[in-house]
C-alpha cells in the first residue's frame, strides 16, 4: 500500500471540475484508491463519494492506493493534487 497526505490549497476546496478529472484518472488503474478526510473515507473512483466528503481549503486528506499498479496510481494522484488542488 502507498499513501500520501495533502493539505488542499484551492480556494474552493475539492470542487466538481477537478474532482471529475481525478476520478476519471483513477478509473484507469486496477488498484483500490481511497481518500480519507477526518473519519470519512471515499473511493477516489466515485465522484459522488468524493464530493460527499466536502473537503474545504486548508483541510488535510490522505490518499491511499493498494493493488498491482499502486505505485503509478499514487504517483499520478499526488501530481494531480499538487497541480490542481
PDB file of N, CA and C in Angstrom:
ATOM      1  N   UNK A   1       0.845  -1.181   0.000  1.00  0.00           N
ATOM      2  CA  UNK A   1       0.000   0.000   0.000  1.00  0.00           C
ATOM      3  C   UNK A   1       0.885   1.236   0.000  1.00  0.00           C
ATOM      4  N   UNK A   2       0.491   2.225  -0.783  1.00  0.00           N
ATOM      5  CA  UNK A   2       1.196   3.504  -0.860  1.00  0.00           C
ATOM      6  C   UNK A   2       0.214   4.590  -0.454  1.00  0.00           C
ATOM      7  N   UNK A   3       0.735   5.672   0.126  1.00  0.00           N
ATOM      8  CA  UNK A   3      -0.156   6.760   0.522  1.00  0.00           C
ATOM      9  C   UNK A   3       0.593   8.083   0.577  1.00  0.00           C
ATOM     10  N   UNK A   4      -0.178   9.162   0.568  1.00  0.00           N
ATOM     11  CA  UNK A   4       0.378  10.491   0.801  1.00  0.00           C
ATOM     12  C   UNK A   4      -0.679  11.342   1.499  1.00  0.00           C
ATOM     13  N   UNK A   5      -0.201  12.355   2.194  1.00  0.00           N
ATOM     14  CA  UNK A   5      -1.073  13.305   2.885  1.00  0.00           C
ATOM     15  C   UNK A   5      -0.969  14.634   2.157  1.00  0.00           C
ATOM     16  N   UNK A   6      -2.111  15.307   1.992  1.00  0.00           N
ATOM     17  CA  UNK A   6      -2.127  16.559   1.244  1.00  0.00           C
ATOM     18  C   UNK A   6      -3.087  17.547   1.903  1.00  0.00           C
ATOM     19  N   UNK A   7      -2.642  18.796   2.007  1.00  0.00           N
ATOM     20  CA  UNK A   7      -3.500  19.868   2.503  1.00  0.00           C
ATOM     21  C   UNK A   7      -3.982  20.672   1.309  1.00  0.00           C
ATOM     22  N   UNK A   8      -5.287  20.752   1.145  1.00  0.00           N
ATOM     23  CA  UNK A   8      -5.899  21.404  -0.010  1.00  0.00           C
ATOM     24  C   UNK A   8      -5.650  22.910   0.037  1.00  0.00           C
ATOM     25  N   UNK A   9      -5.166  23.466  -1.083  1.00  0.00           N
ATOM     26  CA  UNK A   9      -4.860  24.893  -1.160  1.00  0.00           C
ATOM     27  C   UNK A   9      -5.815  25.655  -2.078  1.00  0.00           C
ATOM     28  N   UNK A  10      -6.616  24.954  -2.863  1.00  0.00           N
ATOM     29  CA  UNK A  10      -7.561  25.614  -3.765  1.00  0.00           C
ATOM     30  C   UNK A  10      -8.610  26.356  -2.935  1.00  0.00           C
ATOM     31  N   UNK A  11      -8.904  27.596  -3.312  1.00  0.00           N
ATOM     32  CA  UNK A  11      -9.870  28.411  -2.575  1.00  0.00           C
ATOM     33  C   UNK A  11     -11.246  27.764  -2.474  1.00  0.00           C
ATOM     34  N   UNK A  12     -11.597  26.933  -3.453  1.00  0.00           N
ATOM     35  CA  UNK A  12     -12.907  26.278  -3.467  1.00  0.00           C
ATOM     36  C   UNK A  12     -12.864  24.872  -2.871  1.00  0.00           C
ATOM     37  N   UNK A  13     -11.735  24.454  -2.355  1.00  0.00           N
ATOM     38  CA  UNK A  13     -11.610  23.095  -1.831  1.00  0.00           C
ATOM     39  C   UNK A  13     -11.615  22.098  -2.981  1.00  0.00           C
ATOM     40  N   UNK A  14     -12.079  20.892  -2.714  1.00  0.00           N
ATOM     41  CA  UNK A  14     -12.212  19.905  -3.793  1.00  0.00           C
ATOM     42  C   UNK A  14     -13.590  20.127  -4.405  1.00  0.00           C
ATOM     43  N   UNK A  15     -13.610  20.765  -5.571  1.00  0.00           N
ATOM     44  CA  UNK A  15     -14.876  21.084  -6.229  1.00  0.00           C
ATOM     45  C   UNK A  15     -15.058  20.219  -7.467  1.00  0.00           C
ATOM     46  N   UNK A  16     -16.184  20.372  -8.125  1.00  0.00           N
ATOM     47  CA  UNK A  16     -16.641  19.403  -9.120  1.00  0.00           C
ATOM     48  C   UNK A  16     -15.694  19.211 -10.307  1.00  0.00           C
ATOM     49  N   UNK A  17     -15.131  20.280 -10.855  1.00  0.00           N
ATOM     50  CA  UNK A  17     -14.280  20.120 -12.041  1.00  0.00           C
ATOM     51  C   UNK A  17     -13.062  19.252 -11.759  1.00  0.00           C
ATOM     52  N   UNK A  18     -12.218  19.610 -10.777  1.00  0.00           N
ATOM     53  CA  UNK A  18     -11.060  18.749 -10.533  1.00  0.00           C
ATOM     54  C   UNK A  18     -11.458  17.379  -9.976  1.00  0.00           C
ATOM     55  N   UNK A  19     -12.559  17.321  -9.247  1.00  0.00           N
ATOM     56  CA  UNK A  19     -12.999  16.024  -8.728  1.00  0.00           C
ATOM     57  C   UNK A  19     -13.319  15.085  -9.883  1.00  0.00           C
ATOM     58  N   UNK A  20     -14.020  15.589 -10.895  1.00  0.00           N
ATOM     59  CA  UNK A  20     -14.343  14.771 -12.058  1.00  0.00           C
ATOM     60  C   UNK A  20     -13.094  14.297 -12.789  1.00  0.00           C
ATOM     61  N   UNK A  21     -12.106  15.181 -12.873  1.00  0.00           N
ATOM     62  CA  UNK A  21     -10.863  14.822 -13.562  1.00  0.00           C
ATOM     63  C   UNK A  21     -10.071  13.751 -12.805  1.00  0.00           C
ATOM     64  N   UNK A  22      -9.960  13.891 -11.487  1.00  0.00           N
ATOM     65  CA  UNK A  22      -9.185  12.895 -10.723  1.00  0.00           C
ATOM     66  C   UNK A  22      -9.897  11.543 -10.719  1.00  0.00           C
ATOM     67  N   UNK A  23     -11.219  11.557 -10.646  1.00  0.00           N
ATOM     68  CA  UNK A  23     -11.973  10.301 -10.700  1.00  0.00           C
ATOM     69  C   UNK A  23     -11.717   9.603 -12.033  1.00  0.00           C
ATOM     70  N   UNK A  24     -11.759  10.364 -13.114  1.00  0.00           N
ATOM     71  CA  UNK A  24     -11.518   9.785 -14.439  1.00  0.00           C
ATOM     72  C   UNK A  24     -10.113   9.178 -14.521  1.00  0.00           C
ATOM     73  N   UNK A  25      -9.121   9.874 -13.984  1.00  0.00           N
ATOM     74  CA  UNK A  25      -7.747   9.363 -13.994  1.00  0.00           C
ATOM     75  C   UNK A  25      -7.623   8.084 -13.164  1.00  0.00           C
ATOM     76  N   UNK A  26      -8.232   8.058 -11.980  1.00  0.00           N
ATOM     77  CA  UNK A  26      -8.082   6.907 -11.094  1.00  0.00           C
ATOM     78  C   UNK A  26      -8.799   5.672 -11.622  1.00  0.00           C
ATOM     79  N   UNK A  27      -9.820   5.860 -12.447  1.00  0.00           N
ATOM     80  CA  UNK A  27     -10.528   4.720 -13.034  1.00  0.00           C
ATOM     81  C   UNK A  27      -9.651   3.939 -14.004  1.00  0.00           C
ATOM     82  N   UNK A  28      -8.534   4.521 -14.416  1.00  0.00           N
ATOM     83  CA  UNK A  28      -7.622   3.838 -15.337  1.00  0.00           C
ATOM     84  C   UNK A  28      -6.778   2.777 -14.620  1.00  0.00           C
ATOM     85  N   UNK A  29      -6.803   2.768 -13.293  1.00  0.00           N
ATOM     86  CA  UNK A  29      -5.944   1.866 -12.522  1.00  0.00           C
ATOM     87  C   UNK A  29      -6.761   0.748 -11.883  1.00  0.00           C
ATOM     88  N   UNK A  30      -6.137  -0.405 -11.756  1.00  0.00           N
ATOM     89  CA  UNK A  30      -6.801  -1.555 -11.133  1.00  0.00           C
ATOM     90  C   UNK A  30      -6.751  -1.493  -9.611  1.00  0.00           C
ATOM     91  N   UNK A  31      -5.788  -0.769  -9.083  1.00  0.00           N
ATOM     92  CA  UNK A  31      -5.641  -0.664  -7.627  1.00  0.00           C
ATOM     93  C   UNK A  31      -6.850   0.025  -7.003  1.00  0.00           C
ATOM     94  N   UNK A  32      -7.109  -0.309  -5.747  1.00  0.00           N
ATOM     95  CA  UNK A  32      -8.103   0.421  -4.971  1.00  0.00           C
ATOM     96  C   UNK A  32      -7.462   1.738  -4.563  1.00  0.00           C
ATOM     97  N   UNK A  33      -8.146   2.847  -4.803  1.00  0.00           N
ATOM     98  CA  UNK A  33      -7.634   4.159  -4.438  1.00  0.00           C
ATOM     99  C   UNK A  33      -8.697   4.848  -3.593  1.00  0.00           C
ATOM    100  N   UNK A  34      -8.310   5.251  -2.379  1.00  0.00           N
ATOM    101  CA  UNK A  34      -9.255   5.893  -1.473  1.00  0.00           C
ATOM    102  C   UNK A  34      -8.729   7.239  -1.014  1.00  0.00           C
ATOM    103  N   UNK A  35      -9.646   8.073  -0.542  1.00  0.00           N
ATOM    104  CA  UNK A  35      -9.301   9.359   0.046  1.00  0.00           C
ATOM    105  C   UNK A  35     -10.009   9.443   1.390  1.00  0.00           C
ATOM    106  N   UNK A  36      -9.257   9.850   2.412  1.00  0.00           N
ATOM    107  CA  UNK A  36      -9.808   9.962   3.754  1.00  0.00           C
ATOM    108  C   UNK A  36      -9.735  11.414   4.199  1.00  0.00           C
ATOM    109  N   UNK A  37     -10.852  11.890   4.728  1.00  0.00           N
ATOM    110  CA  UNK A  37     -10.967  13.256   5.248  1.00  0.00           C
ATOM    111  C   UNK A  37     -11.597  13.119   6.632  1.00  0.00           C
ATOM    112  N   UNK A  38     -10.804  13.398   7.650  1.00  0.00           N
ATOM    113  CA  UNK A  38     -11.306  13.185   9.012  1.00  0.00           C
ATOM    114  C   UNK A  38     -11.533  11.705   9.232  1.00  0.00           C
ATOM    115  N   UNK A  39     -12.750  11.362   9.590  1.00  0.00           N
ATOM    116  CA  UNK A  39     -13.073   9.957   9.828  1.00  0.00           C
ATOM    117  C   UNK A  39     -13.802   9.312   8.658  1.00  0.00           C
ATOM    118  N   UNK A  40     -13.992  10.075   7.584  1.00  0.00           N
ATOM    119  CA  UNK A  40     -14.719   9.576   6.421  1.00  0.00           C
ATOM    120  C   UNK A  40     -13.757   9.182   5.309  1.00  0.00           C
ATOM    121  N   UNK A  41     -14.043   8.043   4.678  1.00  0.00           N
ATOM    122  CA  UNK A  41     -13.226   7.559   3.571  1.00  0.00           C
ATOM    123  C   UNK A  41     -14.122   7.329   2.364  1.00  0.00           C
ATOM    124  N   UNK A  42     -13.612   7.695   1.185  1.00  0.00           N
ATOM    125  CA  UNK A  42     -14.361   7.525  -0.053  1.00  0.00           C
ATOM    126  C   UNK A  42     -13.477   6.876  -1.108  1.00  0.00           C
ATOM    127  N   UNK A  43     -14.130   6.187  -2.028  1.00  0.00           N
ATOM    128  CA  UNK A  43     -13.466   5.604  -3.187  1.00  0.00           C
ATOM    129  C   UNK A  43     -13.135   6.746  -4.139  1.00  0.00           C
ATOM    130  N   UNK A  44     -11.878   6.917  -4.489  1.00  0.00           N
ATOM    131  CA  UNK A  44     -11.450   8.009  -5.361  1.00  0.00           C
ATOM    132  C   UNK A  44     -11.840   7.755  -6.821  1.00  0.00           C
ATOM    133  N   UNK A  45     -12.557   6.677  -7.079  1.00  0.00           N
ATOM    134  CA  UNK A  45     -13.061   6.391  -8.421  1.00  0.00           C
ATOM    135  C   UNK A  45     -14.552   6.695  -8.530  1.00  0.00           C
ATOM    136  N   UNK A  46     -15.137   7.268  -7.465  1.00  0.00           N
ATOM    137  CA  UNK A  46     -16.572   7.558  -7.444  1.00  0.00           C
ATOM    138  C   UNK A  46     -16.786   9.034  -7.114  1.00  0.00           C
ATOM    139  N   UNK A  47     -17.293   9.765  -8.104  1.00  0.00           N
ATOM    140  CA  UNK A  47     -17.438  11.209  -7.987  1.00  0.00           C
ATOM    141  C   UNK A  47     -18.311  11.633  -6.814  1.00  0.00           C
ATOM    142  N   UNK A  48     -19.478  11.032  -6.670  1.00  0.00           N
ATOM    143  CA  UNK A  48     -20.381  11.458  -5.601  1.00  0.00           C
ATOM    144  C   UNK A  48     -19.812  11.155  -4.222  1.00  0.00           C
ATOM    145  N   UNK A  49     -19.081  10.065  -4.107  1.00  0.00           N
ATOM    146  CA  UNK A  49     -18.442   9.742  -2.828  1.00  0.00           C
ATOM    147  C   UNK A  49     -17.388  10.792  -2.495  1.00  0.00           C
ATOM    148  N   UNK A  50     -16.580  11.174  -3.484  1.00  0.00           N
ATOM    149  CA  UNK A  50     -15.553  12.189  -3.276  1.00  0.00           C
ATOM    150  C   UNK A  50     -16.186  13.529  -2.914  1.00  0.00           C
ATOM    151  N   UNK A  51     -17.184  13.943  -3.656  1.00  0.00           N
ATOM    152  CA  UNK A  51     -17.829  15.231  -3.381  1.00  0.00           C
ATOM    153  C   UNK A  51     -18.527  15.220  -2.020  1.00  0.00           C
ATOM    154  N   UNK A  52     -19.005  14.064  -1.605  1.00  0.00           N
ATOM    155  CA  UNK A  52     -19.680  13.939  -0.313  1.00  0.00           C
ATOM    156  C   UNK A  52     -18.775  14.211   0.877  1.00  0.00           C
ATOM    157  N   UNK A  53     -17.470  14.147   0.670  1.00  0.00           N
ATOM    158  CA  UNK A  53     -16.543  14.429   1.770  1.00  0.00           C
ATOM    159  C   UNK A  53     -16.539  15.910   2.131  1.00  0.00           C
ATOM    160  N   UNK A  54     -16.878  16.776   1.182  1.00  0.00           N
ATOM    161  CA  UNK A  54     -16.944  18.208   1.449  1.00  0.00           C
ATOM    162  C   UNK A  54     -15.631  18.835   1.881  1.00  0.00           C
ATOM    163  N   UNK A  55     -14.533  18.471   1.228  1.00  0.00           N
ATOM    164  CA  UNK A  55     -13.207  18.955   1.611  1.00  0.00           C
ATOM    165  C   UNK A  55     -13.049  20.427   1.226  1.00  0.00           C
ATOM    166  N   UNK A  56     -12.681  21.251   2.202  1.00  0.00           N
ATOM    167  CA  UNK A  56     -12.510  22.687   2.010  1.00  0.00           C
ATOM    168  C   UNK A  56     -11.034  23.071   2.022  1.00  0.00           C
ATOM    169  N   UNK A  57     -10.755  24.300   1.595  1.00  0.00           N
ATOM    170  CA  UNK A  57      -9.394  24.818   1.609  1.00  0.00           C
ATOM    171  C   UNK A  57      -8.816  24.736   3.016  1.00  0.00           C
ATOM    172  N   UNK A  58      -7.564  24.300   3.102  1.00  0.00           N
ATOM    173  CA  UNK A  58      -6.873  24.196   4.374  1.00  0.00           C
ATOM    174  C   UNK A  58      -7.066  22.879   5.096  1.00  0.00           C
ATOM    175  N   UNK A  59      -7.951  22.037   4.589  1.00  0.00           N
ATOM    176  CA  UNK A  59      -8.178  20.737   5.218  1.00  0.00           C
ATOM    177  C   UNK A  59      -7.239  19.693   4.620  1.00  0.00           C
ATOM    178  N   UNK A  60      -6.911  18.704   5.430  1.00  0.00           N
ATOM    179  CA  UNK A  60      -5.950  17.676   5.036  1.00  0.00           C
ATOM    180  C   UNK A  60      -6.662  16.374   4.709  1.00  0.00           C
ATOM    181  N   UNK A  61      -6.186  15.726   3.645  1.00  0.00           N
ATOM    182  CA  UNK A  61      -6.710  14.426   3.242  1.00  0.00           C
ATOM    183  C   UNK A  61      -5.550  13.437   3.134  1.00  0.00           C
ATOM    184  N   UNK A  62      -5.884  12.164   3.205  1.00  0.00           N
ATOM    185  CA  UNK A  62      -4.906  11.100   2.993  1.00  0.00           C
ATOM    186  C   UNK A  62      -5.400  10.267   1.816  1.00  0.00           C
ATOM    187  N   UNK A  63      -4.553  10.109   0.822  1.00  0.00           N
ATOM    188  CA  UNK A  63      -4.883   9.314  -0.361  1.00  0.00           C
ATOM    189  C   UNK A  63      -4.068   8.029  -0.291  1.00  0.00           C
ATOM    190  N   UNK A  64      -4.741   6.900  -0.472  1.00  0.00           N
ATOM    191  CA  UNK A  64      -4.079   5.593  -0.411  1.00  0.00           C
ATOM    192  C   UNK A  64      -4.392   4.793  -1.662  1.00  0.00           C
ATOM    193  N   UNK A  65      -3.396   4.061  -2.129  1.00  0.00           N
ATOM    194  CA  UNK A  65      -3.573   3.142  -3.257  1.00  0.00           C
ATOM    195  C   UNK A  65      -3.052   1.776  -2.839  1.00  0.00           C
ATOM    196  N   UNK A  66      -3.812   0.746  -3.198  1.00  0.00           N
ATOM    197  CA  UNK A  66      -3.436  -0.608  -2.835  1.00  0.00           C
ATOM    198  C   UNK A  66      -3.785  -1.537  -3.992  1.00  0.00           C
ATOM    199  N   UNK A  67      -2.758  -2.187  -4.554  1.00  0.00           N
ATOM    200  CA  UNK A  67      -3.015  -3.114  -5.642  1.00  0.00           C
ATOM    201  C   UNK A  67      -1.823  -3.215  -6.573  1.00  0.00           C
ATOM    202  N   UNK A  68      -2.042  -3.894  -7.684  1.00  0.00           N
ATOM    203  CA  UNK A  68      -0.946  -4.225  -8.588  1.00  0.00           C
ATOM    204  C   UNK A  68      -0.281  -3.024  -9.246  1.00  0.00           C
ATOM    205  N   UNK A  69      -1.006  -1.923  -9.443  1.00  0.00           N
ATOM    206  CA  UNK A  69      -0.406  -0.742 -10.064  1.00  0.00           C
ATOM    207  C   UNK A  69      -0.437   0.467  -9.114  1.00  0.00           C
ATOM    208  N   UNK A  70      -0.314   0.176  -7.814  1.00  0.00           N
ATOM    209  CA  UNK A  70      -0.412   1.224  -6.789  1.00  0.00           C
ATOM    210  C   UNK A  70       0.655   2.298  -6.920  1.00  0.00           C
ATOM    211  N   UNK A  71       1.861   1.932  -7.318  1.00  0.00           N
ATOM    212  CA  UNK A  71       2.929   2.930  -7.437  1.00  0.00           C
ATOM    213  C   UNK A  71       2.577   4.006  -8.466  1.00  0.00           C
ATOM    214  N   UNK A  72       2.111   3.565  -9.617  1.00  0.00           N
ATOM    215  CA  UNK A  72       1.753   4.528 -10.660  1.00  0.00           C
ATOM    216  C   UNK A  72       0.504   5.320 -10.262  1.00  0.00           C
ATOM    217  N   UNK A  73      -0.485   4.654  -9.691  1.00  0.00           N
ATOM    218  CA  UNK A  73      -1.719   5.334  -9.295  1.00  0.00           C
ATOM    219  C   UNK A  73      -1.450   6.417  -8.259  1.00  0.00           C
ATOM    220  N   UNK A  74      -0.650   6.124  -7.259  1.00  0.00           N
ATOM    221  CA  UNK A  74      -0.379   7.105  -6.203  1.00  0.00           C
ATOM    222  C   UNK A  74       0.464   8.249  -6.745  1.00  0.00           C
ATOM    223  N   UNK A  75       1.365   7.944  -7.657  1.00  0.00           N
ATOM    224  CA  UNK A  75       2.193   8.980  -8.270  1.00  0.00           C
ATOM    225  C   UNK A  75       1.341   9.958  -9.079  1.00  0.00           C
ATOM    226  N   UNK A  76       0.442   9.433  -9.867  1.00  0.00           N
ATOM    227  CA  UNK A  76      -0.454  10.273 -10.678  1.00  0.00           C
ATOM    228  C   UNK A  76      -1.391  11.069  -9.776  1.00  0.00           C
ATOM    229  N   UNK A  77      -1.932  10.437  -8.742  1.00  0.00           N
ATOM    230  CA  UNK A  77      -2.829  11.144  -7.821  1.00  0.00           C
ATOM    231  C   UNK A  77      -2.094  12.283  -7.124  1.00  0.00           C
ATOM    232  N   UNK A  78      -0.895  12.038  -6.634  1.00  0.00           N
ATOM    233  CA  UNK A  78      -0.123  13.078  -5.938  1.00  0.00           C
ATOM    234  C   UNK A  78       0.143  14.261  -6.872  1.00  0.00           C
ATOM    235  N   UNK A  79       0.587  13.968  -8.078  1.00  0.00           N
ATOM    236  CA  UNK A  79       0.868  15.034  -9.040  1.00  0.00           C
ATOM    237  C   UNK A  79      -0.394  15.839  -9.340  1.00  0.00           C
ATOM    238  N   UNK A  80      -1.518  15.164  -9.477  1.00  0.00           N
ATOM    239  CA  UNK A  80      -2.779  15.857  -9.759  1.00  0.00           C
ATOM    240  C   UNK A  80      -3.156  16.779  -8.607  1.00  0.00           C
ATOM    241  N   UNK A  81      -3.090  16.266  -7.391  1.00  0.00           N
ATOM    242  CA  UNK A  81      -3.432  17.092  -6.228  1.00  0.00           C
ATOM    243  C   UNK A  81      -2.531  18.318  -6.153  1.00  0.00           C
ATOM    244  N   UNK A  82      -1.234  18.123  -6.340  1.00  0.00           N
ATOM    245  CA  UNK A  82      -0.297  19.225  -6.242  1.00  0.00           C
ATOM    246  C   UNK A  82      -0.514  20.279  -7.335  1.00  0.00           C
ATOM    247  N   UNK A  83      -0.918  19.863  -8.510  1.00  0.00           N
ATOM    248  CA  UNK A  83      -1.112  20.785  -9.626  1.00  0.00           C
ATOM    249  C   UNK A  83      -2.498  21.432  -9.648  1.00  0.00           C
ATOM    250  N   UNK A  84      -3.507  20.771  -9.079  1.00  0.00           N
ATOM    251  CA  UNK A  84      -4.884  21.222  -9.239  1.00  0.00           C
ATOM    252  C   UNK A  84      -5.636  21.554  -7.961  1.00  0.00           C
ATOM    253  N   UNK A  85      -5.155  21.104  -6.838  1.00  0.00           N
ATOM    254  CA  UNK A  85      -5.907  21.315  -5.598  1.00  0.00           C
ATOM    255  C   UNK A  85      -5.041  21.928  -4.521  1.00  0.00           C
TER     256      UNK A  85
END
